[in-house]
Each structure stands twice: as C-alpha cells, then as structure tokens.
C-alpha cells in the first residue's frame, strides 16, 4: 500500500528526503567550492551577495515556491545559464507546471521538457541581448 501522505506534497517531500543534507550533496560535487546552497524559502533565504549563477536546480514541489524560486533566481542567471526544474510533468505536483508556464509567459520563454523519471524541465537564459533581465 502506498504511503497515506503520497499526495500531500510537503509532508511527503520532508519524509522522503529527510535522509540527505547540503553537506552530503556538496560532498558529491566535482567542484563543491563553486556551489552555493540556499536552503529555505525564496526569496528570503537568498544571500544579499549571491554571485551570478550559471546553473540552478529547483525542486520546490508546489506552485507558490516554484514561481517564487523562478522569479528570485532568474535575474541572477547569466546569459546561457540554465534552471533545472524538477517535477515539471509530475502527476503528483501539478502546480509546478502551472508556475513554470506562468513564468514563461511573463518572461517570453520556452520551456524544454526533459524525459526523466519525474518530468523535469529546463529554462535557458538567452545568449542574445535582451531588454529583459
């Protein structure tokens, strides 16, 4: 029988990923000194001195944090930079796709769906000059 909290989002996420940490993830990176971890709610958890970003991995599970994360990180992304959004095509976390679609409409972007287990997607900041930041 599947867990009773399977569709409850935050409870499921907390329980399923409570056996990891920023330190564990950092230990598996090829260049951990180049990584910035921002644990917490967006945009409040972002440091004031956040450097320009090349890659952002966003796994918010729900509509509001997905949209807030995209709006917080996009301005910091360098041209050619990439945001990976987990659960874009998830049947369990449908709000992620809604948030990504709204953000793409606001910014005039196209989303690149990926064929992975959880239906991730990517957004790339154009290398061409744009009036949008």
Foldseek 3Di string as FASTA:
>chain_A
DDDPCQQVFPVCVCVVPVPDDPVNVLVPDPCSVPDDDQPDAPPVSPDPPDAQDQEAEAERLEQPRLLRVCVNNVVSHDAFGKYKYFQLVAPRRVNNVVSVVVVCVVVVWDWAFDPDPRTIIMTGHHPDDDPPD
